[in-house]
Amino acid sequence: MLDRLSTRQIMAGMTMVCLGLLGFGLYLQHVVGLEPCPMCIVQRYAMVLIAVVAAVAAATPGRRSQLALSLLVAVLGIFGAFVAARQSWLQWYPPEIATCGRDLYGMIESFPLQRAIPMIFKGSGDCTAIDWTFLGGTIANWAFLWFAAMTLVALCLSWRSLRRAR
């Protein structure tokens, strides 16, 4: 199926998937009330970076630039998958003492504002907590699957680009 679509179309689709996943994460946070943990925030950053790089790849002609951008998406996907896998492992085998972060009010009360603001963006939820599941998978499990899928697609696009260059 990937052969029928251009690299630019696939990257545009990947951008839309990333934006949809980020939107769902914001829905879970602001409507459902789930607090993201520091690892969730790192996964969001990875997803935002993948969306930006994929959008640039969708708008950029040329095989060399698309090859480089596809490889960058793959690297970012591997990073996001690693963080999601680590969080999944922590959820399956929680440590005796959770050290993922402090709660929002504790940070504001304990630290001056210039130190509290960066800490807020680190997340305040517990990385080992399982607050939401779908088909038996946690948010971290699903994030791992999405990151892995995007990595595989990006690697297939890179392979296709290399093969066509010959």
N, C-alpha and C. Protein backbone atom coordinates (compact mmCIF):
# COMPACT_ATOMS: atom_id res chain seq x y z
N MET A 1 0.81 -1.18 0.00
CA MET A 1 0.00 0.00 0.00
C MET A 1 0.87 1.26 0.00
N LEU A 2 2.01 1.21 0.65
CA LEU A 2 2.88 2.39 0.68
C LEU A 2 3.38 2.76 -0.70
N ASP A 3 3.46 1.79 -1.63
CA ASP A 3 3.95 2.07 -2.97
C ASP A 3 2.96 2.92 -3.77
N ARG A 4 1.70 2.87 -3.42
CA ARG A 4 0.69 3.63 -4.15
C ARG A 4 0.68 5.11 -3.77
N LEU A 5 1.17 5.41 -2.58
CA LEU A 5 1.17 6.78 -2.09
C LEU A 5 2.58 7.36 -2.18
N SER A 6 2.65 8.67 -2.40
CA SER A 6 3.95 9.32 -2.43
C SER A 6 4.45 9.52 -1.00
N THR A 7 5.73 9.75 -0.88
CA THR A 7 6.32 10.01 0.43
C THR A 7 5.66 11.23 1.06
N ARG A 8 5.40 12.24 0.24
CA ARG A 8 4.78 13.45 0.76
C ARG A 8 3.38 13.18 1.29
N GLN A 9 2.61 12.33 0.62
CA GLN A 9 1.26 11.99 1.10
C GLN A 9 1.32 11.21 2.41
N ILE A 10 2.25 10.28 2.48
CA ILE A 10 2.38 9.48 3.70
C ILE A 10 2.81 10.35 4.87
N MET A 11 3.74 11.26 4.63
CA MET A 11 4.19 12.16 5.70
C MET A 11 3.06 13.11 6.12
N ALA A 12 2.25 13.54 5.18
CA ALA A 12 1.10 14.38 5.54
C ALA A 12 0.12 13.58 6.41
N GLY A 13 -0.09 12.32 6.05
CA GLY A 13 -0.94 11.46 6.87
C GLY A 13 -0.36 11.24 8.25
N MET A 14 0.95 11.06 8.32
CA MET A 14 1.60 10.88 9.62
C MET A 14 1.45 12.13 10.48
N THR A 15 1.53 13.30 9.85
CA THR A 15 1.32 14.55 10.58
C THR A 15 -0.08 14.58 11.17
N MET A 16 -1.06 14.18 10.38
CA MET A 16 -2.45 14.19 10.86
C MET A 16 -2.65 13.19 12.00
N VAL A 17 -2.03 12.02 11.89
CA VAL A 17 -2.12 11.03 12.96
C VAL A 17 -1.52 11.59 14.25
N CYS A 18 -0.35 12.20 14.14
CA CYS A 18 0.29 12.79 15.32
C CYS A 18 -0.59 13.86 15.96
N LEU A 19 -1.15 14.73 15.12
CA LEU A 19 -2.02 15.78 15.66
C LEU A 19 -3.27 15.19 16.32
N GLY A 20 -3.80 14.12 15.73
CA GLY A 20 -4.95 13.45 16.35
C GLY A 20 -4.60 12.84 17.70
N LEU A 21 -3.44 12.18 17.77
CA LEU A 21 -3.01 11.58 19.03
C LEU A 21 -2.73 12.65 20.08
N LEU A 22 -2.10 13.75 19.68
CA LEU A 22 -1.85 14.84 20.61
C LEU A 22 -3.17 15.45 21.09
N GLY A 23 -4.12 15.61 20.18
CA GLY A 23 -5.43 16.13 20.55
C GLY A 23 -6.14 15.21 21.53
N PHE A 24 -6.02 13.90 21.32
CA PHE A 24 -6.64 12.95 22.24
C PHE A 24 -5.97 13.02 23.61
N GLY A 25 -4.65 13.20 23.62
CA GLY A 25 -3.95 13.35 24.90
C GLY A 25 -4.40 14.60 25.64
N LEU A 26 -4.60 15.69 24.92
CA LEU A 26 -5.10 16.91 25.55
C LEU A 26 -6.53 16.73 26.03
N TYR A 27 -7.34 15.97 25.28
CA TYR A 27 -8.70 15.66 25.72
C TYR A 27 -8.65 14.88 27.05
N LEU A 28 -7.80 13.86 27.11
CA LEU A 28 -7.69 13.08 28.35
C LEU A 28 -7.23 13.95 29.52
N GLN A 29 -6.38 14.92 29.22
CA GLN A 29 -5.88 15.78 30.29
C GLN A 29 -6.92 16.81 30.72
N HIS A 30 -7.50 17.53 29.78
CA HIS A 30 -8.33 18.67 30.15
C HIS A 30 -9.81 18.35 30.31
N VAL A 31 -10.31 17.30 29.66
CA VAL A 31 -11.72 16.95 29.79
C VAL A 31 -11.92 15.81 30.78
N VAL A 32 -11.12 14.75 30.61
CA VAL A 32 -11.26 13.60 31.50
C VAL A 32 -10.59 13.87 32.85
N GLY A 33 -9.54 14.70 32.85
CA GLY A 33 -8.88 15.06 34.11
C GLY A 33 -7.66 14.22 34.46
N LEU A 34 -7.08 13.54 33.49
CA LEU A 34 -5.87 12.76 33.76
C LEU A 34 -4.65 13.67 33.74
N GLU A 35 -3.85 13.63 34.78
CA GLU A 35 -2.63 14.44 34.84
C GLU A 35 -1.49 13.70 34.16
N PRO A 36 -0.82 14.34 33.20
CA PRO A 36 0.31 13.67 32.55
C PRO A 36 1.52 13.61 33.49
N CYS A 37 2.24 12.52 33.39
CA CYS A 37 3.46 12.36 34.18
C CYS A 37 4.64 12.90 33.37
N PRO A 38 5.82 13.00 33.97
CA PRO A 38 6.98 13.49 33.22
C PRO A 38 7.28 12.66 31.96
N MET A 39 7.10 11.36 32.02
CA MET A 39 7.35 10.53 30.83
C MET A 39 6.30 10.80 29.76
N CYS A 40 5.08 11.08 30.16
CA CYS A 40 4.02 11.42 29.20
C CYS A 40 4.38 12.73 28.48
N ILE A 41 4.91 13.68 29.23
CA ILE A 41 5.29 14.96 28.64
C ILE A 41 6.42 14.75 27.63
N VAL A 42 7.40 13.91 27.95
CA VAL A 42 8.50 13.63 27.03
C VAL A 42 7.95 12.97 25.76
N GLN A 43 7.00 12.06 25.92
CA GLN A 43 6.38 11.42 24.75
C GLN A 43 5.61 12.44 23.91
N ARG A 44 4.98 13.40 24.56
CA ARG A 44 4.29 14.45 23.82
C ARG A 44 5.29 15.27 23.00
N TYR A 45 6.41 15.62 23.61
CA TYR A 45 7.44 16.37 22.87
C TYR A 45 7.91 15.58 21.67
N ALA A 46 8.13 14.28 21.85
CA ALA A 46 8.57 13.44 20.72
C ALA A 46 7.50 13.42 19.63
N MET A 47 6.24 13.34 20.03
CA MET A 47 5.13 13.31 19.06
C MET A 47 5.03 14.65 18.32
N VAL A 48 5.21 15.75 19.04
CA VAL A 48 5.18 17.08 18.41
C VAL A 48 6.33 17.19 17.40
N LEU A 49 7.51 16.73 17.78
CA LEU A 49 8.66 16.79 16.87
C LEU A 49 8.43 15.93 15.63
N ILE A 50 7.85 14.75 15.81
CA ILE A 50 7.53 13.90 14.66
C ILE A 50 6.52 14.61 13.75
N ALA A 51 5.52 15.24 14.34
CA ALA A 51 4.51 15.95 13.55
C ALA A 51 5.16 17.08 12.75
N VAL A 52 6.06 17.83 13.38
CA VAL A 52 6.71 18.95 12.70
C VAL A 52 7.60 18.44 11.57
N VAL A 53 8.42 17.43 11.86
CA VAL A 53 9.33 16.90 10.84
C VAL A 53 8.54 16.27 9.69
N ALA A 54 7.48 15.54 10.02
CA ALA A 54 6.65 14.94 8.97
C ALA A 54 5.96 16.02 8.13
N ALA A 55 5.52 17.11 8.76
CA ALA A 55 4.90 18.20 8.01
C ALA A 55 5.92 18.87 7.08
N VAL A 56 7.14 19.04 7.56
CA VAL A 56 8.19 19.61 6.70
C VAL A 56 8.48 18.66 5.54
N ALA A 57 8.53 17.36 5.84
CA ALA A 57 8.77 16.37 4.78
C ALA A 57 7.63 16.37 3.76
N ALA A 58 6.41 16.57 4.22
CA ALA A 58 5.26 16.60 3.31
C ALA A 58 5.31 17.83 2.40
N ALA A 59 5.93 18.89 2.88
CA ALA A 59 5.98 20.12 2.10
C ALA A 59 7.27 20.27 1.29
N THR A 60 8.21 19.35 1.48
CA THR A 60 9.52 19.48 0.85
C THR A 60 9.66 18.50 -0.31
N PRO A 61 9.93 19.00 -1.50
CA PRO A 61 10.21 18.08 -2.61
C PRO A 61 11.68 17.64 -2.56
N GLY A 62 11.99 16.63 -3.30
CA GLY A 62 13.37 16.17 -3.38
C GLY A 62 13.61 14.92 -2.56
N ARG A 63 14.23 13.94 -3.20
CA ARG A 63 14.44 12.65 -2.54
C ARG A 63 15.42 12.72 -1.39
N ARG A 64 16.48 13.49 -1.57
CA ARG A 64 17.50 13.55 -0.50
C ARG A 64 16.93 14.16 0.77
N SER A 65 16.20 15.25 0.63
CA SER A 65 15.63 15.88 1.82
C SER A 65 14.57 14.97 2.45
N GLN A 66 13.78 14.29 1.62
CA GLN A 66 12.78 13.38 2.19
C GLN A 66 13.43 12.17 2.84
N LEU A 67 14.54 11.71 2.29
CA LEU A 67 15.27 10.62 2.93
C LEU A 67 15.77 11.05 4.30
N ALA A 68 16.38 12.23 4.36
CA ALA A 68 16.91 12.72 5.64
C ALA A 68 15.79 12.93 6.65
N LEU A 69 14.69 13.50 6.20
CA LEU A 69 13.57 13.74 7.12
C LEU A 69 12.90 12.44 7.55
N SER A 70 12.83 11.46 6.66
CA SER A 70 12.28 10.15 7.04
C SER A 70 13.16 9.49 8.10
N LEU A 71 14.46 9.58 7.93
CA LEU A 71 15.37 9.02 8.92
C LEU A 71 15.25 9.75 10.26
N LEU A 72 15.05 11.07 10.22
CA LEU A 72 14.86 11.83 11.45
C LEU A 72 13.57 11.42 12.15
N VAL A 73 12.50 11.20 11.38
CA VAL A 73 11.25 10.71 11.97
C VAL A 73 11.49 9.35 12.62
N ALA A 74 12.26 8.49 11.97
CA ALA A 74 12.54 7.17 12.54
C ALA A 74 13.31 7.29 13.86
N VAL A 75 14.28 8.18 13.91
CA VAL A 75 15.05 8.38 15.14
C VAL A 75 14.15 8.90 16.26
N LEU A 76 13.32 9.89 15.94
CA LEU A 76 12.39 10.41 16.94
C LEU A 76 11.38 9.35 17.37
N GLY A 77 10.94 8.52 16.43
CA GLY A 77 10.03 7.43 16.77
C GLY A 77 10.67 6.41 17.69
N ILE A 78 11.94 6.10 17.44
CA ILE A 78 12.66 5.17 18.32
C ILE A 78 12.77 5.75 19.72
N PHE A 79 13.08 7.05 19.80
CA PHE A 79 13.17 7.70 21.11
C PHE A 79 11.83 7.65 21.84
N GLY A 80 10.75 8.02 21.14
CA GLY A 80 9.42 7.99 21.76
C GLY A 80 9.02 6.58 22.18
N ALA A 81 9.34 5.59 21.33
CA ALA A 81 9.03 4.20 21.67
C ALA A 81 9.81 3.75 22.89
N PHE A 82 11.06 4.19 23.00
CA PHE A 82 11.87 3.82 24.16
C PHE A 82 11.26 4.38 25.44
N VAL A 83 10.86 5.65 25.43
CA VAL A 83 10.27 6.25 26.62
C VAL A 83 8.94 5.57 26.97
N ALA A 84 8.13 5.28 25.96
CA ALA A 84 6.85 4.61 26.20
C ALA A 84 7.07 3.19 26.72
N ALA A 85 8.08 2.50 26.19
CA ALA A 85 8.38 1.15 26.67
C ALA A 85 8.86 1.19 28.12
N ARG A 86 9.67 2.18 28.45
CA ARG A 86 10.15 2.32 29.82
C ARG A 86 8.98 2.59 30.77
N GLN A 87 8.06 3.45 30.34
CA GLN A 87 6.90 3.73 31.18
C GLN A 87 6.03 2.49 31.32
N SER A 88 5.86 1.74 30.24
CA SER A 88 5.08 0.49 30.32
C SER A 88 5.73 -0.47 31.30
N TRP A 89 7.04 -0.56 31.24
CA TRP A 89 7.76 -1.45 32.17
C TRP A 89 7.55 -1.00 33.61
N LEU A 90 7.61 0.32 33.85
CA LEU A 90 7.37 0.83 35.20
C LEU A 90 5.95 0.55 35.67
N GLN A 91 5.00 0.55 34.73
CA GLN A 91 3.62 0.24 35.11
C GLN A 91 3.45 -1.24 35.43
N TRP A 92 4.16 -2.09 34.70
CA TRP A 92 4.06 -3.53 34.97
C TRP A 92 4.82 -3.93 36.23
N TYR A 93 5.95 -3.27 36.48
CA TYR A 93 6.79 -3.57 37.64
C TYR A 93 7.08 -2.28 38.39
N PRO A 94 6.09 -1.75 39.11
CA PRO A 94 6.29 -0.46 39.78
C PRO A 94 7.34 -0.56 40.89
N PRO A 95 8.18 0.48 41.00
CA PRO A 95 9.15 0.50 42.09
C PRO A 95 8.45 0.75 43.42
N GLU A 96 9.14 0.46 44.48
CA GLU A 96 8.55 0.66 45.80
C GLU A 96 8.31 2.13 46.09
N ILE A 97 9.19 3.00 45.58
CA ILE A 97 9.06 4.44 45.78
C ILE A 97 8.95 5.09 44.41
N ALA A 98 7.83 5.71 44.15
CA ALA A 98 7.63 6.41 42.87
C ALA A 98 8.34 7.75 42.93
N THR A 99 9.19 8.03 41.93
CA THR A 99 9.95 9.28 41.91
C THR A 99 9.76 10.01 40.59
N CYS A 100 8.55 10.04 40.09
CA CYS A 100 8.30 10.67 38.79
C CYS A 100 8.13 12.17 38.88
N GLY A 101 7.73 12.67 39.97
CA GLY A 101 7.56 14.12 40.06
C GLY A 101 6.69 14.50 41.24
N ARG A 102 6.56 15.82 41.45
CA ARG A 102 5.77 16.36 42.55
C ARG A 102 4.44 16.84 42.02
N ASP A 103 3.48 17.06 42.92
CA ASP A 103 2.22 17.61 42.48
C ASP A 103 2.34 19.12 42.27
N LEU A 104 1.42 19.68 41.51
CA LEU A 104 1.47 21.08 41.10
C LEU A 104 1.49 22.03 42.29
N TYR A 105 0.59 21.82 43.24
CA TYR A 105 0.50 22.73 44.37
C TYR A 105 1.75 22.65 45.25
N GLY A 106 2.30 21.46 45.39
CA GLY A 106 3.53 21.31 46.16
C GLY A 106 4.69 22.06 45.53
N MET A 107 4.75 22.05 44.20
CA MET A 107 5.83 22.77 43.51
C MET A 107 5.68 24.27 43.71
N ILE A 108 4.46 24.79 43.56
CA ILE A 108 4.24 26.23 43.68
C ILE A 108 4.50 26.71 45.10
N GLU A 109 4.10 25.93 46.09
CA GLU A 109 4.30 26.31 47.48
C GLU A 109 5.76 26.19 47.90
N SER A 110 6.49 25.24 47.34
CA SER A 110 7.85 24.95 47.80
C SER A 110 8.94 25.70 47.05
N PHE A 111 8.67 26.15 45.84
CA PHE A 111 9.72 26.73 45.02
C PHE A 111 9.33 28.12 44.54
N PRO A 112 10.34 28.99 44.27
CA PRO A 112 10.02 30.28 43.65
C PRO A 112 9.47 30.05 42.25
N LEU A 113 8.75 31.04 41.75
CA LEU A 113 8.05 30.91 40.48
C LEU A 113 8.98 30.56 39.32
N GLN A 114 10.20 31.15 39.29
CA GLN A 114 11.10 30.86 38.18
C GLN A 114 11.58 29.40 38.18
N ARG A 115 11.53 28.71 39.29
CA ARG A 115 11.86 27.28 39.33
C ARG A 115 10.61 26.43 39.18
N ALA A 116 9.46 26.93 39.62
CA ALA A 116 8.23 26.13 39.57
C ALA A 116 7.70 26.00 38.15
N ILE A 117 7.81 27.07 37.33
CA ILE A 117 7.25 27.02 35.97
C ILE A 117 7.89 25.91 35.14
N PRO A 118 9.23 25.78 35.09
CA PRO A 118 9.78 24.65 34.32
C PRO A 118 9.36 23.29 34.89
N MET A 119 9.18 23.22 36.20
CA MET A 119 8.77 21.94 36.80
C MET A 119 7.34 21.58 36.41
N ILE A 120 6.50 22.61 36.19
CA ILE A 120 5.11 22.36 35.80
C ILE A 120 5.07 21.65 34.45
N PHE A 121 5.95 22.06 33.53
CA PHE A 121 5.98 21.46 32.21
C PHE A 121 6.59 20.06 32.21
N LYS A 122 7.12 19.65 33.33
CA LYS A 122 7.65 18.29 33.44
C LYS A 122 6.54 17.29 33.76
N GLY A 123 5.38 17.75 34.10
CA GLY A 123 4.26 16.85 34.42
C GLY A 123 4.19 16.61 35.91
N SER A 124 3.02 16.21 36.37
CA SER A 124 2.86 16.02 37.81
C SER A 124 2.23 14.69 38.18
N GLY A 125 1.83 13.91 37.19
CA GLY A 125 1.21 12.62 37.49
C GLY A 125 2.25 11.57 37.83
N ASP A 126 1.78 10.43 38.26
CA ASP A 126 2.64 9.30 38.62
C ASP A 126 2.88 8.44 37.39
N CYS A 127 4.14 8.21 37.05
CA CYS A 127 4.47 7.44 35.84
C CYS A 127 4.04 5.98 35.93
N THR A 128 3.86 5.48 37.14
CA THR A 128 3.49 4.07 37.30
C THR A 128 1.98 3.87 37.36
N ALA A 129 1.22 4.95 37.48
CA ALA A 129 -0.23 4.85 37.60
C ALA A 129 -0.86 4.46 36.26
N ILE A 130 -1.87 3.61 36.34
CA ILE A 130 -2.65 3.22 35.17
C ILE A 130 -4.03 3.84 35.35
N ASP A 131 -4.21 5.01 34.73
CA ASP A 131 -5.45 5.75 34.90
C ASP A 131 -6.48 5.48 33.81
N TRP A 132 -6.05 4.94 32.68
CA TRP A 132 -6.93 4.76 31.53
C TRP A 132 -6.45 3.57 30.73
N THR A 133 -7.37 2.75 30.25
CA THR A 133 -7.01 1.63 29.38
C THR A 133 -8.01 1.54 28.24
N PHE A 134 -7.53 0.96 27.15
CA PHE A 134 -8.38 0.69 26.00
C PHE A 134 -7.94 -0.65 25.43
N LEU A 135 -8.86 -1.60 25.35
CA LEU A 135 -8.57 -2.96 24.89
C LEU A 135 -7.41 -3.58 25.66
N GLY A 136 -7.35 -3.28 26.94
CA GLY A 136 -6.33 -3.86 27.81
C GLY A 136 -4.99 -3.15 27.79
N GLY A 137 -4.84 -2.14 26.96
CA GLY A 137 -3.57 -1.42 26.88
C GLY A 137 -3.65 -0.07 27.56
N THR A 138 -2.57 0.30 28.24
CA THR A 138 -2.51 1.61 28.88
C THR A 138 -2.13 2.67 27.85
N ILE A 139 -2.13 3.91 28.27
CA ILE A 139 -1.73 5.00 27.38
C ILE A 139 -0.30 4.77 26.91
N ALA A 140 0.57 4.36 27.81
CA ALA A 140 1.97 4.10 27.45
C ALA A 140 2.08 2.95 26.45
N ASN A 141 1.28 1.90 26.63
CA ASN A 141 1.30 0.77 25.69
C ASN A 141 0.89 1.22 24.30
N TRP A 142 -0.20 2.00 24.23
CA TRP A 142 -0.67 2.48 22.94
C TRP A 142 0.32 3.46 22.31
N ALA A 143 0.93 4.30 23.15
CA ALA A 143 1.94 5.23 22.62
C ALA A 143 3.10 4.45 22.02
N PHE A 144 3.52 3.38 22.69
CA PHE A 144 4.61 2.55 22.15
C PHE A 144 4.23 2.00 20.78
N LEU A 145 3.01 1.48 20.65
CA LEU A 145 2.58 0.93 19.37
C LEU A 145 2.55 1.99 18.27
N TRP A 146 2.08 3.19 18.59
CA TRP A 146 2.04 4.26 17.59
C TRP A 146 3.44 4.70 17.21
N PHE A 147 4.33 4.85 18.21
CA PHE A 147 5.70 5.23 17.89
C PHE A 147 6.38 4.16 17.05
N ALA A 148 6.15 2.90 17.39
CA ALA A 148 6.75 1.81 16.62
C ALA A 148 6.23 1.80 15.19
N ALA A 149 4.93 2.02 15.02
CA ALA A 149 4.34 2.05 13.68
C ALA A 149 4.91 3.20 12.86
N MET A 150 5.03 4.37 13.46
CA MET A 150 5.59 5.52 12.74
C MET A 150 7.06 5.29 12.38
N THR A 151 7.79 4.63 13.28
CA THR A 151 9.18 4.32 12.99
C THR A 151 9.28 3.36 11.81
N LEU A 152 8.44 2.33 11.82
CA LEU A 152 8.47 1.37 10.71
C LEU A 152 8.09 2.03 9.38
N VAL A 153 7.09 2.88 9.40
CA VAL A 153 6.70 3.58 8.17
C VAL A 153 7.85 4.47 7.69
N ALA A 154 8.46 5.19 8.60
CA ALA A 154 9.57 6.08 8.22
C ALA A 154 10.74 5.27 7.66
N LEU A 155 11.03 4.12 8.26
CA LEU A 155 12.12 3.28 7.75
C LEU A 155 11.77 2.70 6.38
N CYS A 156 10.52 2.33 6.18
CA CYS A 156 10.09 1.84 4.86
C CYS A 156 10.21 2.95 3.80
N LEU A 157 9.85 4.17 4.17
CA LEU A 157 10.00 5.29 3.25
C LEU A 157 11.46 5.55 2.93
N SER A 158 12.31 5.44 3.93
CA SER A 158 13.75 5.63 3.71
C SER A 158 14.28 4.56 2.78
N TRP A 159 13.88 3.32 3.02
CA TRP A 159 14.32 2.20 2.17
C TRP A 159 13.85 2.41 0.73
N ARG A 160 12.59 2.81 0.59
CA ARG A 160 12.04 3.05 -0.74
C ARG A 160 12.80 4.17 -1.45
N SER A 161 13.12 5.21 -0.71
CA SER A 161 13.86 6.33 -1.31
C SER A 161 15.26 5.90 -1.73
N LEU A 162 15.91 5.09 -0.94
CA LEU A 162 17.25 4.59 -1.30
C LEU A 162 17.17 3.66 -2.50
N ARG A 163 16.17 2.83 -2.54
CA ARG A 163 16.00 1.88 -3.63
C ARG A 163 15.73 2.60 -4.95
N ARG A 164 14.94 3.66 -4.90
CA ARG A 164 14.62 4.41 -6.12
C ARG A 164 15.80 5.24 -6.61
N ALA A 165 16.71 5.59 -5.70
CA ALA A 165 17.86 6.41 -6.08
C ALA A 165 18.86 5.63 -6.92
N ARG A 166 18.80 4.31 -6.85
CA ARG A 166 19.75 3.48 -7.60
C ARG A 166 19.41 3.39 -9.02
